[in-house]
Amino acid sequence: MVLGVSPDSAESHRKFKQKHKLPFRLLVDDQHELAEAFGIWKEKSMFGHKYMGIERTTVIIDRNGTIARIFPKVQILGHVKEVQRALKDLD
């Protein structure tokens, strides 16, 4: 099962899912509870301005509920193939 999680609103998720034709659920983490639990709610910086935000991360959790792999600071290009390889390794 694949889930996407972000602090964005349910309406934002609905539009994003529709626009990109995503086949999986998107969960709202508006209180950052899951992001904080995974250690990905971090201080960021843009143009010298510091703020709190999500560090884009992929976490693979195996069938036993154990974290099997973490991909921190995800770069979009090539990431899908990287995750697919990791999932094959779990089988």
N, C-alpha and C. Protein backbone atom coordinates (compact mmCIF):
# COMPACT_ATOMS: atom_id res chain seq x y z
N MET A 1 0.84 -1.17 0.00
CA MET A 1 0.00 0.00 0.00
C MET A 1 0.90 1.24 0.00
N VAL A 2 0.49 2.21 -0.75
CA VAL A 2 1.21 3.48 -0.82
C VAL A 2 0.31 4.56 -0.24
N LEU A 3 0.89 5.40 0.62
CA LEU A 3 0.18 6.55 1.18
C LEU A 3 1.07 7.77 1.03
N GLY A 4 0.48 8.90 0.75
CA GLY A 4 1.18 10.17 0.74
C GLY A 4 0.72 10.96 1.95
N VAL A 5 1.63 11.67 2.58
CA VAL A 5 1.29 12.45 3.78
C VAL A 5 1.91 13.83 3.66
N SER A 6 1.12 14.85 3.97
CA SER A 6 1.65 16.22 4.01
C SER A 6 0.76 17.07 4.91
N PRO A 7 1.24 18.23 5.30
CA PRO A 7 0.43 19.11 6.14
C PRO A 7 -0.62 19.90 5.35
N ASP A 8 -0.68 19.70 4.05
CA ASP A 8 -1.64 20.43 3.22
C ASP A 8 -3.08 20.00 3.55
N SER A 9 -4.03 20.81 3.17
CA SER A 9 -5.44 20.55 3.47
C SER A 9 -5.99 19.40 2.61
N ALA A 10 -7.12 18.86 3.04
CA ALA A 10 -7.79 17.80 2.29
C ALA A 10 -8.16 18.28 0.89
N GLU A 11 -8.60 19.51 0.78
CA GLU A 11 -8.96 20.07 -0.54
C GLU A 11 -7.73 20.17 -1.43
N SER A 12 -6.62 20.61 -0.88
CA SER A 12 -5.37 20.67 -1.64
C SER A 12 -4.96 19.28 -2.11
N HIS A 13 -5.09 18.29 -1.23
CA HIS A 13 -4.76 16.91 -1.60
C HIS A 13 -5.66 16.42 -2.72
N ARG A 14 -6.95 16.72 -2.62
CA ARG A 14 -7.90 16.28 -3.64
C ARG A 14 -7.50 16.83 -5.01
N LYS A 15 -7.17 18.11 -5.08
CA LYS A 15 -6.78 18.74 -6.34
C LYS A 15 -5.46 18.17 -6.85
N PHE A 16 -4.49 17.98 -5.95
CA PHE A 16 -3.18 17.45 -6.33
C PHE A 16 -3.32 16.02 -6.86
N LYS A 17 -4.11 15.22 -6.16
CA LYS A 17 -4.33 13.83 -6.57
C LYS A 17 -5.00 13.77 -7.94
N GLN A 18 -5.98 14.61 -8.15
CA GLN A 18 -6.69 14.66 -9.43
C GLN A 18 -5.77 15.15 -10.55
N LYS A 19 -5.02 16.20 -10.30
CA LYS A 19 -4.12 16.79 -11.31
C LYS A 19 -3.07 15.78 -11.77
N HIS A 20 -2.51 15.02 -10.81
CA HIS A 20 -1.42 14.10 -11.13
C HIS A 20 -1.89 12.66 -11.30
N LYS A 21 -3.22 12.46 -11.22
CA LYS A 21 -3.82 11.13 -11.40
C LYS A 21 -3.16 10.09 -10.50
N LEU A 22 -3.03 10.43 -9.23
CA LEU A 22 -2.38 9.54 -8.28
C LEU A 22 -3.33 8.39 -7.91
N PRO A 23 -2.82 7.16 -7.89
CA PRO A 23 -3.67 6.01 -7.58
C PRO A 23 -3.69 5.65 -6.09
N PHE A 24 -3.14 6.50 -5.23
CA PHE A 24 -3.08 6.18 -3.82
C PHE A 24 -3.65 7.31 -2.98
N ARG A 25 -3.89 7.01 -1.70
CA ARG A 25 -4.48 7.97 -0.77
C ARG A 25 -3.45 8.99 -0.30
N LEU A 26 -3.93 10.20 -0.06
CA LEU A 26 -3.12 11.26 0.53
C LEU A 26 -3.71 11.60 1.89
N LEU A 27 -2.88 11.61 2.90
CA LEU A 27 -3.33 11.87 4.26
C LEU A 27 -2.92 13.27 4.71
N VAL A 28 -3.79 13.91 5.46
CA VAL A 28 -3.53 15.24 5.99
C VAL A 28 -2.85 15.11 7.36
N ASP A 29 -1.71 15.77 7.51
CA ASP A 29 -0.98 15.80 8.78
C ASP A 29 -0.81 17.27 9.19
N ASP A 30 -1.95 17.95 9.34
CA ASP A 30 -1.91 19.39 9.57
C ASP A 30 -1.34 19.79 10.93
N GLN A 31 -1.26 18.86 11.86
CA GLN A 31 -0.65 19.15 13.15
C GLN A 31 0.80 18.65 13.21
N HIS A 32 1.28 18.11 12.11
CA HIS A 32 2.67 17.65 11.94
C HIS A 32 3.03 16.49 12.86
N GLU A 33 2.04 15.79 13.38
CA GLU A 33 2.30 14.70 14.32
C GLU A 33 3.11 13.57 13.68
N LEU A 34 2.70 13.14 12.50
CA LEU A 34 3.43 12.06 11.83
C LEU A 34 4.81 12.54 11.38
N ALA A 35 4.87 13.75 10.85
CA ALA A 35 6.15 14.31 10.41
C ALA A 35 7.13 14.42 11.58
N GLU A 36 6.64 14.82 12.72
CA GLU A 36 7.50 14.93 13.89
C GLU A 36 7.93 13.54 14.38
N ALA A 37 7.01 12.58 14.34
CA ALA A 37 7.33 11.22 14.78
C ALA A 37 8.42 10.59 13.90
N PHE A 38 8.40 10.93 12.62
CA PHE A 38 9.40 10.40 11.69
C PHE A 38 10.65 11.29 11.62
N GLY A 39 10.64 12.39 12.33
CA GLY A 39 11.81 13.28 12.35
C GLY A 39 12.02 14.06 11.08
N ILE A 40 10.93 14.32 10.35
CA ILE A 40 11.07 15.04 9.08
C ILE A 40 10.44 16.43 9.10
N TRP A 41 9.96 16.88 10.26
CA TRP A 41 9.49 18.26 10.43
C TRP A 41 10.70 19.03 10.91
N LYS A 42 11.31 19.78 10.01
CA LYS A 42 12.62 20.37 10.27
C LYS A 42 12.66 21.85 9.94
N GLU A 43 13.67 22.50 10.51
CA GLU A 43 13.91 23.89 10.15
C GLU A 43 14.51 23.92 8.75
N LYS A 44 13.96 24.77 7.92
CA LYS A 44 14.43 24.93 6.55
C LYS A 44 14.81 26.38 6.33
N SER A 45 15.45 26.64 5.23
CA SER A 45 15.88 28.00 4.93
C SER A 45 15.72 28.27 3.43
N MET A 46 15.17 29.44 3.12
CA MET A 46 15.05 29.85 1.73
C MET A 46 15.31 31.35 1.66
N PHE A 47 16.28 31.73 0.87
CA PHE A 47 16.64 33.13 0.72
C PHE A 47 16.92 33.80 2.06
N GLY A 48 17.57 33.04 2.96
CA GLY A 48 17.92 33.57 4.27
C GLY A 48 16.79 33.57 5.29
N HIS A 49 15.59 33.18 4.86
CA HIS A 49 14.44 33.12 5.77
C HIS A 49 14.31 31.71 6.31
N LYS A 50 14.28 31.55 7.63
CA LYS A 50 14.15 30.24 8.26
C LYS A 50 12.68 29.98 8.60
N TYR A 51 12.27 28.74 8.40
CA TYR A 51 10.89 28.34 8.69
C TYR A 51 10.86 26.83 8.92
N MET A 52 9.78 26.34 9.49
CA MET A 52 9.61 24.91 9.70
C MET A 52 8.85 24.31 8.53
N GLY A 53 9.27 23.13 8.12
CA GLY A 53 8.61 22.47 7.01
C GLY A 53 9.00 21.01 6.91
N ILE A 54 8.40 20.34 5.97
CA ILE A 54 8.64 18.92 5.73
C ILE A 54 9.91 18.74 4.91
N GLU A 55 10.75 17.81 5.34
CA GLU A 55 11.87 17.37 4.52
C GLU A 55 11.34 16.18 3.72
N ARG A 56 11.21 16.35 2.41
CA ARG A 56 10.61 15.32 1.57
C ARG A 56 11.34 14.00 1.78
N THR A 57 10.60 12.99 2.22
CA THR A 57 11.17 11.71 2.61
C THR A 57 10.23 10.59 2.18
N THR A 58 10.80 9.47 1.77
CA THR A 58 10.02 8.27 1.51
C THR A 58 10.42 7.23 2.55
N VAL A 59 9.41 6.62 3.16
CA VAL A 59 9.64 5.57 4.15
C VAL A 59 8.93 4.31 3.66
N ILE A 60 9.68 3.20 3.60
CA ILE A 60 9.08 1.92 3.25
C ILE A 60 8.92 1.13 4.54
N ILE A 61 7.68 0.72 4.79
CA ILE A 61 7.35 -0.07 5.96
C ILE A 61 6.95 -1.46 5.47
N ASP A 62 7.61 -2.49 5.98
CA ASP A 62 7.34 -3.84 5.48
C ASP A 62 6.03 -4.40 6.03
N ARG A 63 5.70 -5.61 5.64
CA ARG A 63 4.43 -6.23 6.03
C ARG A 63 4.31 -6.45 7.53
N ASN A 64 5.45 -6.48 8.23
CA ASN A 64 5.44 -6.67 9.67
C ASN A 64 5.34 -5.35 10.44
N GLY A 65 5.28 -4.24 9.69
CA GLY A 65 5.19 -2.93 10.33
C GLY A 65 6.54 -2.36 10.73
N THR A 66 7.61 -2.95 10.21
CA THR A 66 8.96 -2.50 10.51
C THR A 66 9.45 -1.57 9.41
N ILE A 67 10.12 -0.50 9.79
CA ILE A 67 10.70 0.40 8.78
C ILE A 67 11.83 -0.36 8.09
N ALA A 68 11.66 -0.58 6.79
CA ALA A 68 12.62 -1.34 6.01
C ALA A 68 13.64 -0.45 5.32
N ARG A 69 13.22 0.77 4.97
CA ARG A 69 14.12 1.67 4.24
C ARG A 69 13.61 3.10 4.37
N ILE A 70 14.55 4.02 4.49
CA ILE A 70 14.22 5.45 4.53
C ILE A 70 15.04 6.14 3.45
N PHE A 71 14.36 6.95 2.66
CA PHE A 71 15.01 7.77 1.62
C PHE A 71 14.87 9.22 2.05
N PRO A 72 15.87 9.80 2.72
CA PRO A 72 15.76 11.19 3.16
C PRO A 72 16.08 12.16 2.01
N LYS A 73 15.60 13.38 2.15
CA LYS A 73 15.91 14.46 1.20
C LYS A 73 15.69 14.00 -0.25
N VAL A 74 14.51 13.49 -0.52
CA VAL A 74 14.17 12.92 -1.83
C VAL A 74 14.33 13.94 -2.95
N GLN A 75 15.00 13.52 -3.99
CA GLN A 75 15.06 14.26 -5.25
C GLN A 75 14.12 13.53 -6.20
N ILE A 76 13.21 14.24 -6.80
CA ILE A 76 12.14 13.63 -7.60
C ILE A 76 12.70 12.78 -8.75
N LEU A 77 13.61 13.34 -9.51
CA LEU A 77 14.12 12.65 -10.70
C LEU A 77 14.75 11.31 -10.33
N GLY A 78 14.21 10.23 -10.86
CA GLY A 78 14.75 8.89 -10.63
C GLY A 78 14.29 8.22 -9.36
N HIS A 79 13.52 8.94 -8.53
CA HIS A 79 13.14 8.38 -7.23
C HIS A 79 12.17 7.21 -7.35
N VAL A 80 11.24 7.27 -8.28
CA VAL A 80 10.27 6.19 -8.42
C VAL A 80 10.98 4.87 -8.70
N LYS A 81 11.92 4.88 -9.61
CA LYS A 81 12.66 3.66 -9.94
C LYS A 81 13.47 3.16 -8.73
N GLU A 82 14.05 4.09 -7.98
CA GLU A 82 14.81 3.73 -6.79
C GLU A 82 13.91 3.02 -5.76
N VAL A 83 12.71 3.54 -5.57
CA VAL A 83 11.77 2.94 -4.63
C VAL A 83 11.29 1.59 -5.16
N GLN A 84 11.02 1.50 -6.45
CA GLN A 84 10.59 0.22 -7.03
C GLN A 84 11.64 -0.87 -6.81
N ARG A 85 12.92 -0.52 -6.97
CA ARG A 85 14.00 -1.50 -6.73
C ARG A 85 13.99 -1.94 -5.27
N ALA A 86 13.84 -0.98 -4.37
CA ALA A 86 13.82 -1.30 -2.93
C ALA A 86 12.65 -2.20 -2.58
N LEU A 87 11.49 -1.96 -3.21
CA LEU A 87 10.32 -2.80 -2.95
C LEU A 87 10.53 -4.21 -3.47
N LYS A 88 11.17 -4.35 -4.61
CA LYS A 88 11.47 -5.68 -5.15
C LYS A 88 12.38 -6.45 -4.20
N ASP A 89 13.31 -5.74 -3.58
CA ASP A 89 14.25 -6.37 -2.64
C ASP A 89 13.53 -6.92 -1.41
N LEU A 90 12.36 -6.38 -1.09
CA LEU A 90 11.60 -6.84 0.07
C LEU A 90 10.89 -8.16 -0.20
N ASP A 91 10.57 -8.41 -1.46
CA ASP A 91 9.81 -9.63 -1.81
C ASP A 91 10.60 -10.89 -1.62
